[in-house]
Amino acid sequence: LEANRRTTNTVFHASLNPSPEDRLTDEQLRKIAGEYMERMGYGDQPYIVFKHKDIEREHLHIVSLRVDENGHKLPHDFEARHSMEILRDLERKYGLHPSIKGEEQTETSPPRSSENKL
């Protein structure tokens, strides 16, 4: 971050919210989170995954940086749309219950954050 003080939205945040009907192990959640980050273009970035249950279901928060080790900003154009496409694909790949638009889906936050239902 010291190498790039012009970038304002340096933090990437995503919330992955599996359906309460999907019973996933920690290993499955870890695998899904890793694949999600790879496909979002943040796979080489340091990131941390938090699992918790402050709502009716367990869900993940993933936090990373949008600036690489050389101070270059990672592209994040159309990040929310790209995230939703990846999540729909992961739902199909892992046989998860699809999210229903407008019901349990979390709204996308401003450009600094991407929150989605998985």
PDB file of N, CA and C in Angstrom:
ATOM      1  N   LEU A   1       0.817  -1.203   0.000  1.00  0.00           N
ATOM      2  CA  LEU A   1       0.000   0.000   0.000  1.00  0.00           C
ATOM      3  C   LEU A   1       0.853   1.255   0.000  1.00  0.00           C
ATOM      4  N   GLU A   2       2.040   1.167   0.606  1.00  0.00           N
ATOM      5  CA  GLU A   2       2.940   2.324   0.632  1.00  0.00           C
ATOM      6  C   GLU A   2       3.376   2.721  -0.780  1.00  0.00           C
ATOM      7  N   ALA A   3       3.459   1.745  -1.695  1.00  0.00           N
ATOM      8  CA  ALA A   3       3.909   2.017  -3.057  1.00  0.00           C
ATOM      9  C   ALA A   3       2.829   2.658  -3.918  1.00  0.00           C
ATOM     10  N   ASN A   4       1.612   2.698  -3.442  1.00  0.00           N
ATOM     11  CA  ASN A   4       0.525   3.259  -4.231  1.00  0.00           C
ATOM     12  C   ASN A   4      -0.442   3.990  -3.304  1.00  0.00           C
ATOM     13  N   ARG A   5      -0.216   5.267  -3.140  1.00  0.00           N
ATOM     14  CA  ARG A   5      -1.071   6.065  -2.262  1.00  0.00           C
ATOM     15  C   ARG A   5      -2.241   6.704  -3.023  1.00  0.00           C
ATOM     16  N   ARG A   6      -2.275   6.565  -4.353  1.00  0.00           N
ATOM     17  CA  ARG A   6      -3.358   7.169  -5.141  1.00  0.00           C
ATOM     18  C   ARG A   6      -4.617   6.312  -5.156  1.00  0.00           C
ATOM     19  N   THR A   7      -4.470   5.024  -4.991  1.00  0.00           N
ATOM     20  CA  THR A   7      -5.621   4.130  -5.022  1.00  0.00           C
ATOM     21  C   THR A   7      -6.430   4.304  -3.746  1.00  0.00           C
ATOM     22  N   THR A   8      -7.723   4.539  -3.906  1.00  0.00           N
ATOM     23  CA  THR A   8      -8.563   4.786  -2.738  1.00  0.00           C
ATOM     24  C   THR A   8      -9.262   3.520  -2.237  1.00  0.00           C
ATOM     25  N   ASN A   9      -9.721   2.651  -3.117  1.00  0.00           N
ATOM     26  CA  ASN A   9     -10.417   1.429  -2.714  1.00  0.00           C
ATOM     27  C   ASN A   9      -9.433   0.267  -2.706  1.00  0.00           C
ATOM     28  N   THR A  10      -8.625   0.201  -1.680  1.00  0.00           N
ATOM     29  CA  THR A  10      -7.543  -0.791  -1.628  1.00  0.00           C
ATOM     30  C   THR A  10      -7.977  -2.137  -1.062  1.00  0.00           C
ATOM     31  N   VAL A  11      -9.122  -2.189  -0.394  1.00  0.00           N
ATOM     32  CA  VAL A  11      -9.555  -3.415   0.273  1.00  0.00           C
ATOM     33  C   VAL A  11     -10.661  -4.098  -0.533  1.00  0.00           C
ATOM     34  N   PHE A  12     -10.514  -5.402  -0.714  1.00  0.00           N
ATOM     35  CA  PHE A  12     -11.540  -6.228  -1.334  1.00  0.00           C
ATOM     36  C   PHE A  12     -12.233  -6.994  -0.220  1.00  0.00           C
ATOM     37  N   HIS A  13     -13.570  -6.981  -0.233  1.00  0.00           N
ATOM     38  CA  HIS A  13     -14.343  -7.731   0.758  1.00  0.00           C
ATOM     39  C   HIS A  13     -15.478  -8.440   0.050  1.00  0.00           C
ATOM     40  N   ALA A  14     -15.632  -9.723   0.319  1.00  0.00           N
ATOM     41  CA  ALA A  14     -16.768 -10.484  -0.218  1.00  0.00           C
ATOM     42  C   ALA A  14     -17.374 -11.288   0.921  1.00  0.00           C
ATOM     43  N   SER A  15     -18.673 -11.433   0.875  1.00  0.00           N
ATOM     44  CA  SER A  15     -19.384 -12.273   1.827  1.00  0.00           C
ATOM     45  C   SER A  15     -20.057 -13.377   1.027  1.00  0.00           C
ATOM     46  N   LEU A  16     -19.686 -14.626   1.296  1.00  0.00           N
ATOM     47  CA  LEU A  16     -20.267 -15.775   0.603  1.00  0.00           C
ATOM     48  C   LEU A  16     -21.238 -16.442   1.556  1.00  0.00           C
ATOM     49  N   ASN A  17     -22.489 -16.515   1.145  1.00  0.00           N
ATOM     50  CA  ASN A  17     -23.567 -16.958   2.017  1.00  0.00           C
ATOM     51  C   ASN A  17     -24.275 -18.186   1.461  1.00  0.00           C
ATOM     52  N   PRO A  18     -23.800 -19.384   1.782  1.00  0.00           N
ATOM     53  CA  PRO A  18     -24.497 -20.584   1.317  1.00  0.00           C
ATOM     54  C   PRO A  18     -25.894 -20.670   1.929  1.00  0.00           C
ATOM     55  N   SER A  19     -26.761 -21.356   1.242  1.00  0.00           N
ATOM     56  CA  SER A  19     -28.113 -21.589   1.755  1.00  0.00           C
ATOM     57  C   SER A  19     -28.022 -22.375   3.056  1.00  0.00           C
ATOM     58  N   PRO A  20     -28.908 -22.120   4.008  1.00  0.00           N
ATOM     59  CA  PRO A  20     -28.910 -22.912   5.249  1.00  0.00           C
ATOM     60  C   PRO A  20     -29.111 -24.403   4.976  1.00  0.00           C
ATOM     61  N   GLU A  21     -29.705 -24.739   3.834  1.00  0.00           N
ATOM     62  CA  GLU A  21     -29.924 -26.136   3.476  1.00  0.00           C
ATOM     63  C   GLU A  21     -28.646 -26.831   3.003  1.00  0.00           C
ATOM     64  N   ASP A  22     -27.643 -26.060   2.608  1.00  0.00           N
ATOM     65  CA  ASP A  22     -26.374 -26.617   2.164  1.00  0.00           C
ATOM     66  C   ASP A  22     -25.469 -26.831   3.372  1.00  0.00           C
ATOM     67  N   ARG A  23     -25.225 -28.061   3.698  1.00  0.00           N
ATOM     68  CA  ARG A  23     -24.365 -28.406   4.837  1.00  0.00           C
ATOM     69  C   ARG A  23     -22.953 -28.650   4.310  1.00  0.00           C
ATOM     70  N   LEU A  24     -22.097 -27.658   4.456  1.00  0.00           N
ATOM     71  CA  LEU A  24     -20.741 -27.729   3.921  1.00  0.00           C
ATOM     72  C   LEU A  24     -19.724 -27.864   5.045  1.00  0.00           C
ATOM     73  N   THR A  25     -18.704 -28.697   4.816  1.00  0.00           N
ATOM     74  CA  THR A  25     -17.622 -28.842   5.785  1.00  0.00           C
ATOM     75  C   THR A  25     -16.682 -27.644   5.660  1.00  0.00           C
ATOM     76  N   ASP A  26     -15.829 -27.489   6.660  1.00  0.00           N
ATOM     77  CA  ASP A  26     -14.833 -26.420   6.587  1.00  0.00           C
ATOM     78  C   ASP A  26     -13.945 -26.593   5.366  1.00  0.00           C
ATOM     79  N   GLU A  27     -13.592 -27.825   5.033  1.00  0.00           N
ATOM     80  CA  GLU A  27     -12.740 -28.085   3.868  1.00  0.00           C
ATOM     81  C   GLU A  27     -13.447 -27.684   2.576  1.00  0.00           C
ATOM     82  N   GLN A  28     -14.739 -27.991   2.468  1.00  0.00           N
ATOM     83  CA  GLN A  28     -15.494 -27.589   1.281  1.00  0.00           C
ATOM     84  C   GLN A  28     -15.575 -26.068   1.178  1.00  0.00           C
ATOM     85  N   LEU A  29     -15.829 -25.414   2.298  1.00  0.00           N
ATOM     86  CA  LEU A  29     -15.881 -23.950   2.303  1.00  0.00           C
ATOM     87  C   LEU A  29     -14.534 -23.360   1.916  1.00  0.00           C
ATOM     88  N   ARG A  30     -13.462 -23.933   2.427  1.00  0.00           N
ATOM     89  CA  ARG A  30     -12.108 -23.464   2.110  1.00  0.00           C
ATOM     90  C   ARG A  30     -11.837 -23.604   0.606  1.00  0.00           C
ATOM     91  N   LYS A  31     -12.241 -24.728   0.042  1.00  0.00           N
ATOM     92  CA  LYS A  31     -12.024 -24.979  -1.386  1.00  0.00           C
ATOM     93  C   LYS A  31     -12.826 -23.987  -2.231  1.00  0.00           C
ATOM     94  N   ILE A  32     -14.074 -23.772  -1.877  1.00  0.00           N
ATOM     95  CA  ILE A  32     -14.922 -22.831  -2.609  1.00  0.00           C
ATOM     96  C   ILE A  32     -14.359 -21.412  -2.510  1.00  0.00           C
ATOM     97  N   ALA A  33     -13.933 -21.012  -1.322  1.00  0.00           N
ATOM     98  CA  ALA A  33     -13.362 -19.672  -1.140  1.00  0.00           C
ATOM     99  C   ALA A  33     -12.104 -19.502  -1.983  1.00  0.00           C
ATOM    100  N   GLY A  34     -11.236 -20.512  -2.004  1.00  0.00           N
ATOM    101  CA  GLY A  34     -10.006 -20.442  -2.803  1.00  0.00           C
ATOM    102  C   GLY A  34     -10.300 -20.354  -4.293  1.00  0.00           C
ATOM    103  N   GLU A  35     -11.246 -21.163  -4.753  1.00  0.00           N
ATOM    104  CA  GLU A  35     -11.606 -21.127  -6.174  1.00  0.00           C
ATOM    105  C   GLU A  35     -12.244 -19.785  -6.531  1.00  0.00           C
ATOM    106  N   TYR A  36     -13.074 -19.283  -5.632  1.00  0.00           N
ATOM    107  CA  TYR A  36     -13.689 -17.977  -5.862  1.00  0.00           C
ATOM    108  C   TYR A  36     -12.609 -16.894  -6.021  1.00  0.00           C
ATOM    109  N   MET A  37     -11.643 -16.880  -5.115  1.00  0.00           N
ATOM    110  CA  MET A  37     -10.590 -15.863  -5.170  1.00  0.00           C
ATOM    111  C   MET A  37      -9.740 -16.003  -6.431  1.00  0.00           C
ATOM    112  N   GLU A  38      -9.414 -17.227  -6.819  1.00  0.00           N
ATOM    113  CA  GLU A  38      -8.657 -17.452  -8.067  1.00  0.00           C
ATOM    114  C   GLU A  38      -9.406 -16.861  -9.248  1.00  0.00           C
ATOM    115  N   ARG A  39     -10.660 -17.212  -9.360  1.00  0.00           N
ATOM    116  CA  ARG A  39     -11.444 -16.789 -10.515  1.00  0.00           C
ATOM    117  C   ARG A  39     -11.731 -15.289 -10.505  1.00  0.00           C
ATOM    118  N   MET A  40     -11.740 -14.679  -9.327  1.00  0.00           N
ATOM    119  CA  MET A  40     -11.924 -13.231  -9.240  1.00  0.00           C
ATOM    120  C   MET A  40     -10.637 -12.476  -9.593  1.00  0.00           C
ATOM    121  N   GLY A  41      -9.515 -13.197  -9.694  1.00  0.00           N
ATOM    122  CA  GLY A  41      -8.246 -12.553 -10.018  1.00  0.00           C
ATOM    123  C   GLY A  41      -7.423 -12.174  -8.802  1.00  0.00           C
ATOM    124  N   TYR A  42      -7.835 -12.641  -7.622  1.00  0.00           N
ATOM    125  CA  TYR A  42      -7.143 -12.324  -6.376  1.00  0.00           C
ATOM    126  C   TYR A  42      -6.419 -13.532  -5.786  1.00  0.00           C
ATOM    127  N   GLY A  43      -6.260 -14.582  -6.566  1.00  0.00           N
ATOM    128  CA  GLY A  43      -5.663 -15.816  -6.058  1.00  0.00           C
ATOM    129  C   GLY A  43      -4.229 -15.677  -5.592  1.00  0.00           C
ATOM    130  N   ASP A  44      -3.486 -14.748  -6.184  1.00  0.00           N
ATOM    131  CA  ASP A  44      -2.088 -14.547  -5.784  1.00  0.00           C
ATOM    132  C   ASP A  44      -1.940 -13.510  -4.682  1.00  0.00           C
ATOM    133  N   GLN A  45      -3.033 -12.880  -4.308  1.00  0.00           N
ATOM    134  CA  GLN A  45      -3.020 -11.883  -3.248  1.00  0.00           C
ATOM    135  C   GLN A  45      -3.139 -12.561  -1.886  1.00  0.00           C
ATOM    136  N   PRO A  46      -2.566 -11.959  -0.860  1.00  0.00           N
ATOM    137  CA  PRO A  46      -2.842 -12.483   0.484  1.00  0.00           C
ATOM    138  C   PRO A  46      -4.312 -12.207   0.802  1.00  0.00           C
ATOM    139  N   TYR A  47      -4.962 -13.170   1.404  1.00  0.00           N
ATOM    140  CA  TYR A  47      -6.348 -12.962   1.818  1.00  0.00           C
ATOM    141  C   TYR A  47      -6.633 -13.799   3.045  1.00  0.00           C
ATOM    142  N   ILE A  48      -7.672 -13.397   3.744  1.00  0.00           N
ATOM    143  CA  ILE A  48      -8.072 -14.109   4.947  1.00  0.00           C
ATOM    144  C   ILE A  48      -9.565 -14.424   4.825  1.00  0.00           C
ATOM    145  N   VAL A  49      -9.934 -15.600   5.321  1.00  0.00           N
ATOM    146  CA  VAL A  49     -11.327 -16.047   5.268  1.00  0.00           C
ATOM    147  C   VAL A  49     -11.818 -16.221   6.702  1.00  0.00           C
ATOM    148  N   PHE A  50     -12.931 -15.565   7.016  1.00  0.00           N
ATOM    149  CA  PHE A  50     -13.580 -15.698   8.320  1.00  0.00           C
ATOM    150  C   PHE A  50     -14.897 -16.425   8.137  1.00  0.00           C
ATOM    151  N   LYS A  51     -15.142 -17.440   8.948  1.00  0.00           N
ATOM    152  CA  LYS A  51     -16.431 -18.123   8.935  1.00  0.00           C
ATOM    153  C   LYS A  51     -17.128 -17.780  10.244  1.00  0.00           C
ATOM    154  N   HIS A  52     -18.384 -17.381  10.138  1.00  0.00           N
ATOM    155  CA  HIS A  52     -19.127 -17.129  11.366  1.00  0.00           C
ATOM    156  C   HIS A  52     -20.618 -17.221  11.118  1.00  0.00           C
ATOM    157  N   LYS A  53     -21.350 -17.098  12.201  1.00  0.00           N
ATOM    158  CA  LYS A  53     -22.809 -17.249  12.144  1.00  0.00           C
ATOM    159  C   LYS A  53     -23.448 -16.135  12.965  1.00  0.00           C
ATOM    160  N   ASP A  54     -23.511 -14.949  12.383  1.00  0.00           N
ATOM    161  CA  ASP A  54     -24.189 -13.850  13.072  1.00  0.00           C
ATOM    162  C   ASP A  54     -25.597 -13.654  12.514  1.00  0.00           C
ATOM    163  N   ILE A  55     -25.947 -14.480  11.526  1.00  0.00           N
ATOM    164  CA  ILE A  55     -27.308 -14.539  11.005  1.00  0.00           C
ATOM    165  C   ILE A  55     -27.733 -16.001  11.094  1.00  0.00           C
ATOM    166  N   GLU A  56     -28.848 -16.379  10.490  1.00  0.00           N
ATOM    167  CA  GLU A  56     -29.367 -17.741  10.674  1.00  0.00           C
ATOM    168  C   GLU A  56     -28.500 -18.835  10.046  1.00  0.00           C
ATOM    169  N   ARG A  57     -27.475 -18.483   9.320  1.00  0.00           N
ATOM    170  CA  ARG A  57     -26.634 -19.500   8.681  1.00  0.00           C
ATOM    171  C   ARG A  57     -25.163 -19.131   8.785  1.00  0.00           C
ATOM    172  N   GLU A  58     -24.323 -20.137   8.665  1.00  0.00           N
ATOM    173  CA  GLU A  58     -22.885 -19.883   8.603  1.00  0.00           C
ATOM    174  C   GLU A  58     -22.566 -19.263   7.252  1.00  0.00           C
ATOM    175  N   HIS A  59     -21.643 -18.353   7.257  1.00  0.00           N
ATOM    176  CA  HIS A  59     -21.215 -17.737   6.006  1.00  0.00           C
ATOM    177  C   HIS A  59     -19.764 -17.292   6.136  1.00  0.00           C
ATOM    178  N   LEU A  60     -19.198 -16.920   5.007  1.00  0.00           N
ATOM    179  CA  LEU A  60     -17.791 -16.544   4.955  1.00  0.00           C
ATOM    180  C   LEU A  60     -17.638 -15.072   4.610  1.00  0.00           C
ATOM    181  N   HIS A  61     -16.628 -14.475   5.188  1.00  0.00           N
ATOM    182  CA  HIS A  61     -16.171 -13.159   4.770  1.00  0.00           C
ATOM    183  C   HIS A  61     -14.744 -13.347   4.295  1.00  0.00           C
ATOM    184  N   ILE A  62     -14.448 -12.800   3.128  1.00  0.00           N
ATOM    185  CA  ILE A  62     -13.104 -12.879   2.565  1.00  0.00           C
ATOM    186  C   ILE A  62     -12.608 -11.451   2.405  1.00  0.00           C
ATOM    187  N   VAL A  63     -11.406 -11.199   2.906  1.00  0.00           N
ATOM    188  CA  VAL A  63     -10.824  -9.864   2.821  1.00  0.00           C
ATOM    189  C   VAL A  63      -9.446  -9.979   2.186  1.00  0.00           C
ATOM    190  N   SER A  64      -9.180  -9.097   1.226  1.00  0.00           N
ATOM    191  CA  SER A  64      -7.892  -9.084   0.546  1.00  0.00           C
ATOM    192  C   SER A  64      -7.557  -7.641   0.161  1.00  0.00           C
ATOM    193  N   LEU A  65      -6.527  -7.495  -0.659  1.00  0.00           N
ATOM    194  CA  LEU A  65      -6.089  -6.178  -1.118  1.00  0.00           C
ATOM    195  C   LEU A  65      -6.234  -6.064  -2.625  1.00  0.00           C
ATOM    196  N   ARG A  66      -6.529  -4.867  -3.091  1.00  0.00           N
ATOM    197  CA  ARG A  66      -6.620  -4.607  -4.530  1.00  0.00           C
ATOM    198  C   ARG A  66      -5.317  -4.019  -5.071  1.00  0.00           C
ATOM    199  N   VAL A  67      -4.277  -4.033  -4.286  1.00  0.00           N
ATOM    200  CA  VAL A  67      -2.973  -3.523  -4.702  1.00  0.00           C
ATOM    201  C   VAL A  67      -1.969  -4.647  -4.531  1.00  0.00           C
ATOM    202  N   ASP A  68      -1.182  -4.937  -5.593  1.00  0.00           N
ATOM    203  CA  ASP A  68      -0.214  -6.035  -5.499  1.00  0.00           C
ATOM    204  C   ASP A  68       1.058  -5.594  -4.779  1.00  0.00           C
ATOM    205  N   GLU A  69       2.015  -6.519  -4.666  1.00  0.00           N
ATOM    206  CA  GLU A  69       3.237  -6.246  -3.904  1.00  0.00           C
ATOM    207  C   GLU A  69       4.101  -5.146  -4.518  1.00  0.00           C
ATOM    208  N   ASN A  70       3.860  -4.821  -5.798  1.00  0.00           N
ATOM    209  CA  ASN A  70       4.608  -3.745  -6.460  1.00  0.00           C
ATOM    210  C   ASN A  70       3.858  -2.422  -6.458  1.00  0.00           C
ATOM    211  N   GLY A  71       2.708  -2.396  -5.802  1.00  0.00           N
ATOM    212  CA  GLY A  71       1.932  -1.169  -5.727  1.00  0.00           C
ATOM    213  C   GLY A  71       0.980  -0.973  -6.891  1.00  0.00           C
ATOM    214  N   HIS A  72       0.862  -1.974  -7.763  1.00  0.00           N
ATOM    215  CA  HIS A  72      -0.039  -1.859  -8.903  1.00  0.00           C
ATOM    216  C   HIS A  72      -1.462  -2.228  -8.489  1.00  0.00           C
ATOM    217  N   LYS A  73      -2.397  -1.409  -8.905  1.00  0.00           N
ATOM    218  CA  LYS A  73      -3.803  -1.677  -8.607  1.00  0.00           C
ATOM    219  C   LYS A  73      -4.295  -2.824  -9.479  1.00  0.00           C
ATOM    220  N   LEU A  74      -4.964  -3.773  -8.871  1.00  0.00           N
ATOM    221  CA  LEU A  74      -5.546  -4.882  -9.621  1.00  0.00           C
ATOM    222  C   LEU A  74      -6.835  -4.410 -10.278  1.00  0.00           C
ATOM    223  N   PRO A  75      -7.111  -4.861 -11.489  1.00  0.00           N
ATOM    224  CA  PRO A  75      -8.351  -4.430 -12.142  1.00  0.00           C
ATOM    225  C   PRO A  75      -9.572  -4.960 -11.398  1.00  0.00           C
ATOM    226  N   HIS A  76     -10.574  -4.103 -11.246  1.00  0.00           N
ATOM    227  CA  HIS A  76     -11.804  -4.564 -10.614  1.00  0.00           C
ATOM    228  C   HIS A  76     -13.044  -3.999 -11.305  1.00  0.00           C
ATOM    229  N   ASP A  77     -12.915  -3.749 -12.612  1.00  0.00           N
ATOM    230  CA  ASP A  77     -14.067  -3.309 -13.386  1.00  0.00           C
ATOM    231  C   ASP A  77     -15.120  -4.414 -13.402  1.00  0.00           C
ATOM    232  N   PHE A  78     -16.352  -4.050 -13.236  1.00  0.00           N
ATOM    233  CA  PHE A  78     -17.475  -4.983 -13.263  1.00  0.00           C
ATOM    234  C   PHE A  78     -17.311  -6.115 -12.240  1.00  0.00           C
ATOM    235  N   GLU A  79     -16.683  -5.799 -11.122  1.00  0.00           N
ATOM    236  CA  GLU A  79     -16.382  -6.798 -10.095  1.00  0.00           C
ATOM    237  C   GLU A  79     -17.635  -7.479  -9.554  1.00  0.00           C
ATOM    238  N   ALA A  80     -18.672  -6.726  -9.262  1.00  0.00           N
ATOM    239  CA  ALA A  80     -19.886  -7.313  -8.697  1.00  0.00           C
ATOM    240  C   ALA A  80     -20.542  -8.268  -9.685  1.00  0.00           C
ATOM    241  N   ARG A  81     -20.620  -7.872 -10.950  1.00  0.00           N
ATOM    242  CA  ARG A  81     -21.225  -8.737 -11.965  1.00  0.00           C
ATOM    243  C   ARG A  81     -20.392 -10.007 -12.166  1.00  0.00           C
ATOM    244  N   HIS A  82     -19.078  -9.826 -12.232  1.00  0.00           N
ATOM    245  CA  HIS A  82     -18.170 -10.965 -12.381  1.00  0.00           C
ATOM    246  C   HIS A  82     -18.303 -11.913 -11.191  1.00  0.00           C
ATOM    247  N   SER A  83     -18.399 -11.363 -10.003  1.00  0.00           N
ATOM    248  CA  SER A  83     -18.556 -12.156  -8.791  1.00  0.00           C
ATOM    249  C   SER A  83     -19.826 -12.998  -8.856  1.00  0.00           C
ATOM    250  N   MET A  84     -20.932 -12.399  -9.268  1.00  0.00           N
ATOM    251  CA  MET A  84     -22.202 -13.133  -9.346  1.00  0.00           C
ATOM    252  C   MET A  84     -22.127 -14.262 -10.364  1.00  0.00           C
ATOM    253  N   GLU A  85     -21.467 -14.030 -11.493  1.00  0.00           N
ATOM    254  CA  GLU A  85     -21.308 -15.084 -12.501  1.00  0.00           C
ATOM    255  C   GLU A  85     -20.513 -16.253 -11.932  1.00  0.00           C
ATOM    256  N   ILE A  86     -19.443 -15.945 -11.220  1.00  0.00           N
ATOM    257  CA  ILE A  86     -18.614 -16.991 -10.609  1.00  0.00           C
ATOM    258  C   ILE A  86     -19.420 -17.756  -9.572  1.00  0.00           C
ATOM    259  N   LEU A  87     -20.162 -17.046  -8.737  1.00  0.00           N
ATOM    260  CA  LEU A  87     -20.945 -17.708  -7.702  1.00  0.00           C
ATOM    261  C   LEU A  87     -22.024 -18.608  -8.289  1.00  0.00           C
ATOM    262  N   ARG A  88     -22.692 -18.173  -9.350  1.00  0.00           N
ATOM    263  CA  ARG A  88     -23.697 -19.037 -10.002  1.00  0.00           C
ATOM    264  C   ARG A  88     -23.025 -20.310 -10.515  1.00  0.00           C
ATOM    265  N   ASP A  89     -21.838 -20.161 -11.098  1.00  0.00           N
ATOM    266  CA  ASP A  89     -21.110 -21.318 -11.612  1.00  0.00           C
ATOM    267  C   ASP A  89     -20.677 -22.250 -10.476  1.00  0.00           C
ATOM    268  N   LEU A  90     -20.222 -21.688  -9.366  1.00  0.00           N
ATOM    269  CA  LEU A  90     -19.823 -22.509  -8.214  1.00  0.00           C
ATOM    270  C   LEU A  90     -21.032 -23.237  -7.622  1.00  0.00           C
ATOM    271  N   GLU A  91     -22.184 -22.584  -7.596  1.00  0.00           N
ATOM    272  CA  GLU A  91     -23.400 -23.252  -7.112  1.00  0.00           C
ATOM    273  C   GLU A  91     -23.691 -24.493  -7.951  1.00  0.00           C
ATOM    274  N   ARG A  92     -23.595 -24.346  -9.269  1.00  0.00           N
ATOM    275  CA  ARG A  92     -23.841 -25.493 -10.150  1.00  0.00           C
ATOM    276  C   ARG A  92     -22.767 -26.566  -9.962  1.00  0.00           C
ATOM    277  N   LYS A  93     -21.517 -26.148  -9.941  1.00  0.00           N
ATOM    278  CA  LYS A  93     -20.398 -27.093  -9.835  1.00  0.00           C
ATOM    279  C   LYS A  93     -20.478 -27.931  -8.564  1.00  0.00           C
ATOM    280  N   TYR A  94     -20.818 -27.309  -7.436  1.00  0.00           N
ATOM    281  CA  TYR A  94     -20.828 -27.993  -6.150  1.00  0.00           C
ATOM    282  C   TYR A  94     -22.216 -28.481  -5.736  1.00  0.00           C
ATOM    283  N   GLY A  95     -23.206 -28.358  -6.631  1.00  0.00           N
ATOM    284  CA  GLY A  95     -24.543 -28.852  -6.347  1.00  0.00           C
ATOM    285  C   GLY A  95     -25.229 -28.131  -5.200  1.00  0.00           C
ATOM    286  N   LEU A  96     -24.998 -26.827  -5.081  1.00  0.00           N
ATOM    287  CA  LEU A  96     -25.585 -26.035  -4.006  1.00  0.00           C
ATOM    288  C   LEU A  96     -26.938 -25.481  -4.428  1.00  0.00           C
ATOM    289  N   HIS A  97     -27.750 -25.155  -3.447  1.00  0.00           N
ATOM    290  CA  HIS A  97     -29.034 -24.532  -3.740  1.00  0.00           C
ATOM    291  C   HIS A  97     -28.794 -23.174  -4.387  1.00  0.00           C
ATOM    292  N   PRO A  98     -29.455 -22.907  -5.498  1.00  0.00           N
ATOM    293  CA  PRO A  98     -29.248 -21.607  -6.149  1.00  0.00           C
ATOM    294  C   PRO A  98     -29.864 -20.483  -5.328  1.00  0.00           C
ATOM    295  N   SER A  99     -29.209 -19.342  -5.364  1.00  0.00           N
ATOM    296  CA  SER A  99     -29.784 -18.189  -4.673  1.00  0.00           C
ATOM    297  C   SER A  99     -30.942 -17.665  -5.509  1.00  0.00           C
ATOM    298  N   ILE A 100     -31.907 -17.105  -4.852  1.00  0.00           N
ATOM    299  CA  ILE A 100     -33.091 -16.581  -5.526  1.00  0.00           C
ATOM    300  C   ILE A 100     -33.016 -15.074  -5.471  1.00  0.00           C
ATOM    301  N   LYS A 101     -32.946 -14.454  -6.613  1.00  0.00           N
ATOM    302  CA  LYS A 101     -32.802 -13.005  -6.680  1.00  0.00           C
ATOM    303  C   LYS A 101     -33.905 -12.316  -5.889  1.00  0.00           C
ATOM    304  N   GLY A 102     -33.482 -11.415  -4.991  1.00  0.00           N
ATOM    305  CA  GLY A 102     -34.431 -10.637  -4.231  1.00  0.00           C
ATOM    306  C   GLY A 102     -34.844 -11.249  -2.911  1.00  0.00           C
ATOM    307  N   GLU A 103     -34.539 -12.518  -2.660  1.00  0.00           N
ATOM    308  CA  GLU A 103     -34.931 -13.111  -1.388  1.00  0.00           C
ATOM    309  C   GLU A 103     -33.757 -13.069  -0.415  1.00  0.00           C
ATOM    310  N   GLU A 104     -32.893 -14.085  -0.407  1.00  0.00           N
ATOM    311  CA  GLU A 104     -31.831 -14.114   0.585  1.00  0.00           C
ATOM    312  C   GLU A 104     -30.519 -13.541   0.074  1.00  0.00           C
ATOM    313  N   GLN A 105     -30.513 -13.012  -1.110  1.00  0.00           N
ATOM    314  CA  GLN A 105     -29.291 -12.488  -1.695  1.00  0.00           C
ATOM    315  C   GLN A 105     -28.897 -11.179  -1.016  1.00  0.00           C
ATOM    316  N   THR A 106     -27.624 -11.038  -0.702  1.00  0.00           N
ATOM    317  CA  THR A 106     -27.127  -9.831  -0.073  1.00  0.00           C
ATOM    318  C   THR A 106     -26.834  -8.792  -1.143  1.00  0.00           C
ATOM    319  N   GLU A 107     -27.161  -7.561  -0.885  1.00  0.00           N
ATOM    320  CA  GLU A 107     -26.905  -6.502  -1.852  1.00  0.00           C
ATOM    321  C   GLU A 107     -25.423  -6.233  -1.979  1.00  0.00           C
ATOM    322  N   THR A 108     -24.998  -5.828  -3.174  1.00  0.00           N
ATOM    323  CA  THR A 108     -23.607  -5.462  -3.404  1.00  0.00           C
ATOM    324  C   THR A 108     -23.363  -4.101  -2.781  1.00  0.00           C
ATOM    325  N   SER A 109     -22.262  -3.994  -2.067  1.00  0.00           N
ATOM    326  CA  SER A 109     -21.888  -2.741  -1.433  1.00  0.00           C
ATOM    327  C   SER A 109     -21.205  -1.831  -2.438  1.00  0.00           C
ATOM    328  N   PRO A 110     -20.827  -0.631  -2.034  1.00  0.00           N
ATOM    329  CA  PRO A 110     -20.107   0.274  -2.923  1.00  0.00           C
ATOM    330  C   PRO A 110     -18.833  -0.394  -3.458  1.00  0.00           C
ATOM    331  N   PRO A 111     -18.140   0.226  -4.400  1.00  0.00           N
ATOM    332  CA  PRO A 111     -17.010  -0.395  -5.079  1.00  0.00           C
ATOM    333  C   PRO A 111     -15.973  -1.047  -4.177  1.00  0.00           C
ATOM    334  N   ARG A 112     -15.868  -0.663  -2.927  1.00  0.00           N
ATOM    335  CA  ARG A 112     -14.843  -1.240  -2.069  1.00  0.00           C
ATOM    336  C   ARG A 112     -15.203  -2.661  -1.624  1.00  0.00           C
ATOM    337  N   SER A 113     -16.446  -3.095  -1.801  1.00  0.00           N
ATOM    338  CA  SER A 113     -16.881  -4.380  -1.275  1.00  0.00           C
ATOM    339  C   SER A 113     -17.726  -5.116  -2.292  1.00  0.00           C
ATOM    340  N   SER A 114     -17.670  -6.441  -2.210  1.00  0.00           N
ATOM    341  CA  SER A 114     -18.515  -7.275  -3.050  1.00  0.00           C
ATOM    342  C   SER A 114     -19.126  -8.336  -2.159  1.00  0.00           C
ATOM    343  N   GLU A 115     -20.425  -8.259  -1.919  1.00  0.00           N
ATOM    344  CA  GLU A 115     -21.097  -9.214  -1.041  1.00  0.00           C
ATOM    345  C   GLU A 115     -22.099 -10.007  -1.856  1.00  0.00           C
ATOM    346  N   ASN A 116     -22.014 -11.318  -1.759  1.00  0.00           N
ATOM    347  CA  ASN A 116     -22.861 -12.154  -2.580  1.00  0.00           C
ATOM    348  C   ASN A 116     -23.315 -13.392  -1.841  1.00  0.00           C
ATOM    349  N   LYS A 117     -24.400 -13.930  -2.326  1.00  0.00           N
ATOM    350  CA  LYS A 117     -24.878 -15.208  -1.800  1.00  0.00           C
ATOM    351  C   LYS A 117     -24.275 -16.314  -2.626  1.00  0.00           C
ATOM    352  N   LEU A 118     -23.872 -17.351  -1.977  1.00  0.00           N
ATOM    353  CA  LEU A 118     -23.329 -18.525  -2.648  1.00  0.00           C
ATOM    354  C   LEU A 118     -24.272 -19.671  -2.404  1.00  0.00           C
TER     355      LEU A 118
END
